[in-house]
Amino acid sequence: MNPITAITKRNLLNYLRSKGRLFGSLFMFMLVMFSFLMKSSMPSFDTPINYLIAGVIVMSVFQTSVNNSSYIL
């Protein structure tokens, strides 16, 4: 088995078993959906919504990379 696929399968299994991480991902997804709804209802709030979306994306990438590196170590 390829080591990369083995690590990926293990990390996905750990991710699905972790209730806190699943809840955090669901919460971030809800924040993104909320930002899109707020953007459509209030056109004057264009800039803060962009910062919210960028922040959620950066937080999710950073959290995923830290968790994966801790599993590898």
Protein backbone atom coordinates (compact mmCIF):
# COMPACT_ATOMS: atom_id res chain seq x y z
CA MET A 1 0.00 0.00 0.00
CA ASN A 2 1.22 3.47 -0.83
CA PRO A 3 2.31 5.35 2.35
CA ILE A 4 0.46 8.49 1.28
CA THR A 5 -2.85 6.66 0.85
CA ALA A 6 -2.35 4.90 4.19
CA ILE A 7 -1.77 8.22 5.99
CA THR A 8 -4.73 9.78 4.19
CA LYS A 9 -7.07 6.92 5.12
CA ARG A 10 -5.89 7.00 8.73
CA ASN A 11 -6.37 10.77 8.99
CA LEU A 12 -9.83 10.62 7.43
CA LEU A 13 -10.84 7.87 9.85
CA ASN A 14 -9.52 9.88 12.81
CA TYR A 15 -11.32 12.96 11.50
CA LEU A 16 -14.64 11.15 11.24
CA ARG A 17 -14.26 9.69 14.74
CA SER A 18 -13.51 13.06 16.35
CA LYS A 19 -16.79 14.70 17.32
CA GLY A 20 -15.16 18.01 18.19
CA ARG A 21 -13.51 18.40 14.82
CA LEU A 22 -16.70 17.44 13.01
CA PHE A 23 -18.62 19.99 15.04
CA GLY A 24 -15.99 22.65 14.31
CA SER A 25 -16.15 21.94 10.58
CA LEU A 26 -19.93 22.08 10.63
CA PHE A 27 -19.78 25.36 12.53
CA MET A 28 -17.34 26.86 10.03
CA PHE A 29 -19.55 25.69 7.16
CA MET A 30 -22.52 27.37 8.83
CA LEU A 31 -20.48 30.59 9.19
CA VAL A 32 -19.74 30.54 5.47
CA MET A 33 -23.39 29.97 4.61
CA PHE A 34 -24.41 32.73 7.02
CA SER A 35 -21.95 35.11 5.39
CA PHE A 36 -23.39 34.39 1.95
CA LEU A 37 -26.91 34.99 3.27
CA MET A 38 -25.86 38.24 4.93
CA LYS A 39 -24.14 39.38 1.75
CA SER A 40 -27.28 38.85 -0.29
CA SER A 41 -29.51 40.61 2.22
CA MET A 42 -27.26 43.62 2.92
CA PRO A 43 -25.27 44.80 -0.07
CA SER A 44 -23.41 47.46 1.95
CA PHE A 45 -21.59 44.77 4.04
CA ASP A 46 -19.45 43.49 1.18
CA THR A 47 -16.00 43.87 2.75
CA PRO A 48 -16.55 42.22 6.21
CA ILE A 49 -18.03 39.14 4.57
CA ASN A 50 -14.90 38.72 2.47
CA TYR A 51 -12.76 38.83 5.61
CA LEU A 52 -14.99 36.25 7.30
CA ILE A 53 -14.75 33.82 4.40
CA ALA A 54 -10.99 34.27 4.14
CA GLY A 55 -10.60 33.77 7.89
CA VAL A 56 -12.65 30.57 7.89
CA ILE A 57 -10.62 29.16 5.01
CA VAL A 58 -7.29 30.04 6.64
CA MET A 59 -8.41 28.62 10.01
CA SER A 60 -9.56 25.34 8.49
CA VAL A 61 -6.35 24.88 6.47
CA PHE A 62 -4.17 25.73 9.46
CA GLN A 63 -6.10 23.46 11.83
CA THR A 64 -6.01 20.57 9.39
CA SER A 65 -2.29 20.93 8.79
CA VAL A 66 -1.51 21.08 12.53
CA ASN A 67 -3.66 18.02 13.25
CA ASN A 68 -2.14 16.02 10.41
CA SER A 69 1.39 16.91 11.42
CA SER A 70 0.70 15.88 15.02
CA TYR A 71 -0.58 12.49 13.82
CA ILE A 72 2.49 11.94 11.68
CA LEU A 73 4.85 12.81 14.50
